[in-house]
Amino acid sequence: MEDRISAPHVARLIGIKTATLAKWRCMGKGPKGWIQVSPTHVTYPLSEVEQFLAERAAKTPTRV
């Protein structure tokens, strides 16, 4: 079984508010594979979050 992490934890890792992450879910943005466990609890697959962060880092220009 794949490791899953909570939406608040994902938001902290990305550096956004949980409300922004919720908006992203509605817009089809952000990490994929989320599951709504209950009306107030959403989880994401850890592998998808790691992939999203890696892709985001690759797109971000580095400062010299």
N, C-alpha and C. Protein backbone atom coordinates (compact mmCIF):
# COMPACT_ATOMS: atom_id res chain seq x y z
N MET A 1 0.84 -1.18 0.00
CA MET A 1 0.00 0.00 0.00
C MET A 1 0.89 1.25 0.00
N GLU A 2 0.51 2.21 -0.80
CA GLU A 2 1.30 3.42 -0.96
C GLU A 2 1.13 4.36 0.24
N ASP A 3 2.23 5.03 0.61
CA ASP A 3 2.16 6.02 1.68
C ASP A 3 1.37 7.23 1.21
N ARG A 4 0.53 7.76 2.09
CA ARG A 4 -0.29 8.92 1.78
C ARG A 4 -0.05 9.96 2.86
N ILE A 5 -0.17 11.24 2.48
CA ILE A 5 0.00 12.31 3.46
C ILE A 5 -1.19 13.26 3.38
N SER A 6 -1.44 13.93 4.48
CA SER A 6 -2.61 14.80 4.58
C SER A 6 -2.43 16.09 3.79
N ALA A 7 -3.54 16.70 3.43
CA ALA A 7 -3.52 17.95 2.66
C ALA A 7 -2.78 19.06 3.40
N PRO A 8 -2.97 19.26 4.72
CA PRO A 8 -2.19 20.31 5.39
C PRO A 8 -0.68 20.08 5.31
N HIS A 9 -0.25 18.83 5.37
CA HIS A 9 1.17 18.52 5.26
C HIS A 9 1.66 18.82 3.84
N VAL A 10 0.87 18.47 2.84
CA VAL A 10 1.22 18.76 1.44
C VAL A 10 1.35 20.27 1.24
N ALA A 11 0.40 21.02 1.76
CA ALA A 11 0.43 22.48 1.61
C ALA A 11 1.70 23.06 2.24
N ARG A 12 2.09 22.56 3.41
CA ARG A 12 3.32 23.04 4.04
C ARG A 12 4.54 22.71 3.19
N LEU A 13 4.59 21.51 2.62
CA LEU A 13 5.72 21.11 1.78
C LEU A 13 5.83 22.00 0.54
N ILE A 14 4.70 22.35 -0.04
CA ILE A 14 4.69 23.17 -1.25
C ILE A 14 4.93 24.64 -0.90
N GLY A 15 4.52 25.04 0.30
CA GLY A 15 4.67 26.43 0.71
C GLY A 15 3.46 27.28 0.38
N ILE A 16 2.27 26.66 0.44
CA ILE A 16 1.03 27.37 0.16
C ILE A 16 0.05 27.12 1.31
N LYS A 17 -1.04 27.86 1.31
CA LYS A 17 -2.09 27.65 2.30
C LYS A 17 -2.95 26.45 1.91
N THR A 18 -3.57 25.83 2.90
CA THR A 18 -4.44 24.69 2.61
C THR A 18 -5.62 25.09 1.72
N ALA A 19 -6.08 26.32 1.87
CA ALA A 19 -7.18 26.80 1.03
C ALA A 19 -6.75 26.88 -0.43
N THR A 20 -5.51 27.28 -0.67
CA THR A 20 -4.99 27.33 -2.04
C THR A 20 -4.92 25.92 -2.61
N LEU A 21 -4.45 24.98 -1.80
CA LEU A 21 -4.38 23.59 -2.26
C LEU A 21 -5.78 23.07 -2.60
N ALA A 22 -6.78 23.42 -1.80
CA ALA A 22 -8.16 23.02 -2.08
C ALA A 22 -8.64 23.63 -3.40
N LYS A 23 -8.29 24.89 -3.66
CA LYS A 23 -8.66 25.53 -4.93
C LYS A 23 -7.98 24.81 -6.09
N TRP A 24 -6.71 24.46 -5.89
CA TRP A 24 -5.99 23.74 -6.94
C TRP A 24 -6.68 22.43 -7.28
N ARG A 25 -7.18 21.73 -6.25
CA ARG A 25 -7.89 20.46 -6.50
C ARG A 25 -9.08 20.70 -7.42
N CYS A 26 -9.84 21.77 -7.15
CA CYS A 26 -11.01 22.09 -7.98
C CYS A 26 -10.62 22.45 -9.40
N MET A 27 -9.42 23.02 -9.56
CA MET A 27 -8.95 23.47 -10.87
C MET A 27 -8.15 22.39 -11.60
N GLY A 28 -7.90 21.25 -10.93
CA GLY A 28 -7.12 20.19 -11.55
C GLY A 28 -5.62 20.45 -11.54
N LYS A 29 -5.18 21.35 -10.66
CA LYS A 29 -3.76 21.67 -10.54
C LYS A 29 -3.18 20.94 -9.33
N GLY A 30 -1.86 21.02 -9.18
CA GLY A 30 -1.20 20.45 -8.01
C GLY A 30 -0.99 18.96 -8.14
N PRO A 31 -0.58 18.33 -7.04
CA PRO A 31 -0.33 16.89 -7.06
C PRO A 31 -1.59 16.10 -7.41
N LYS A 32 -1.41 15.03 -8.15
CA LYS A 32 -2.53 14.19 -8.58
C LYS A 32 -2.78 13.06 -7.55
N GLY A 33 -3.85 12.35 -7.74
CA GLY A 33 -4.13 11.16 -6.95
C GLY A 33 -4.73 11.38 -5.58
N TRP A 34 -5.24 12.59 -5.33
CA TRP A 34 -5.80 12.86 -4.01
C TRP A 34 -7.10 12.09 -3.80
N ILE A 35 -7.37 11.78 -2.55
CA ILE A 35 -8.59 11.07 -2.17
C ILE A 35 -9.24 11.81 -1.01
N GLN A 36 -10.54 12.03 -1.11
CA GLN A 36 -11.26 12.65 -0.01
C GLN A 36 -11.74 11.53 0.91
N VAL A 37 -11.06 11.38 2.05
CA VAL A 37 -11.33 10.31 2.99
C VAL A 37 -12.62 10.58 3.76
N SER A 38 -12.86 11.85 4.09
CA SER A 38 -14.08 12.27 4.76
C SER A 38 -14.37 13.70 4.28
N PRO A 39 -15.47 14.29 4.69
CA PRO A 39 -15.75 15.66 4.23
C PRO A 39 -14.66 16.67 4.59
N THR A 40 -13.87 16.38 5.61
CA THR A 40 -12.85 17.35 6.04
C THR A 40 -11.42 16.81 5.95
N HIS A 41 -11.22 15.63 5.36
CA HIS A 41 -9.88 15.04 5.31
C HIS A 41 -9.55 14.53 3.91
N VAL A 42 -8.47 15.11 3.34
CA VAL A 42 -8.01 14.73 2.00
C VAL A 42 -6.57 14.25 2.14
N THR A 43 -6.22 13.18 1.41
CA THR A 43 -4.85 12.69 1.42
C THR A 43 -4.32 12.62 -0.01
N TYR A 44 -3.00 12.67 -0.10
CA TYR A 44 -2.29 12.59 -1.38
C TYR A 44 -1.27 11.47 -1.33
N PRO A 45 -1.01 10.80 -2.46
CA PRO A 45 0.07 9.82 -2.49
C PRO A 45 1.41 10.54 -2.37
N LEU A 46 2.26 10.05 -1.49
CA LEU A 46 3.57 10.67 -1.28
C LEU A 46 4.36 10.74 -2.58
N SER A 47 4.30 9.71 -3.39
CA SER A 47 5.06 9.70 -4.65
C SER A 47 4.61 10.81 -5.59
N GLU A 48 3.32 11.10 -5.63
CA GLU A 48 2.80 12.18 -6.49
C GLU A 48 3.25 13.55 -5.99
N VAL A 49 3.27 13.71 -4.67
CA VAL A 49 3.72 14.97 -4.09
C VAL A 49 5.20 15.18 -4.40
N GLU A 50 6.00 14.14 -4.24
CA GLU A 50 7.43 14.24 -4.54
C GLU A 50 7.66 14.56 -6.01
N GLN A 51 6.88 13.93 -6.90
CA GLN A 51 7.00 14.20 -8.33
C GLN A 51 6.61 15.65 -8.64
N PHE A 52 5.54 16.13 -8.04
CA PHE A 52 5.09 17.50 -8.25
C PHE A 52 6.17 18.49 -7.80
N LEU A 53 6.76 18.25 -6.63
CA LEU A 53 7.81 19.14 -6.13
C LEU A 53 9.04 19.12 -7.03
N ALA A 54 9.40 17.94 -7.53
CA ALA A 54 10.56 17.83 -8.43
C ALA A 54 10.31 18.58 -9.73
N GLU A 55 9.12 18.44 -10.30
CA GLU A 55 8.78 19.14 -11.54
C GLU A 55 8.76 20.65 -11.33
N ARG A 56 8.24 21.06 -10.19
CA ARG A 56 8.18 22.49 -9.87
C ARG A 56 9.58 23.06 -9.70
N ALA A 57 10.46 22.30 -9.05
CA ALA A 57 11.84 22.75 -8.85
C ALA A 57 12.58 22.84 -10.18
N ALA A 58 12.29 21.93 -11.09
CA ALA A 58 12.95 21.95 -12.40
C ALA A 58 12.52 23.16 -13.22
N LYS A 59 11.32 23.65 -13.01
CA LYS A 59 10.82 24.80 -13.76
C LYS A 59 11.29 26.13 -13.17
N THR A 60 11.69 26.12 -11.90
CA THR A 60 12.09 27.34 -11.22
C THR A 60 13.53 27.70 -11.59
N PRO A 61 13.75 28.91 -12.13
CA PRO A 61 15.12 29.30 -12.46
C PRO A 61 15.94 29.49 -11.19
N THR A 62 17.19 29.12 -11.25
CA THR A 62 18.08 29.28 -10.10
C THR A 62 18.71 30.66 -10.13
N ARG A 63 18.90 31.24 -8.96
CA ARG A 63 19.53 32.54 -8.85
C ARG A 63 21.02 32.35 -8.65
N VAL A 64 21.77 33.24 -9.24
CA VAL A 64 23.23 33.17 -9.12
C VAL A 64 23.73 34.26 -8.24
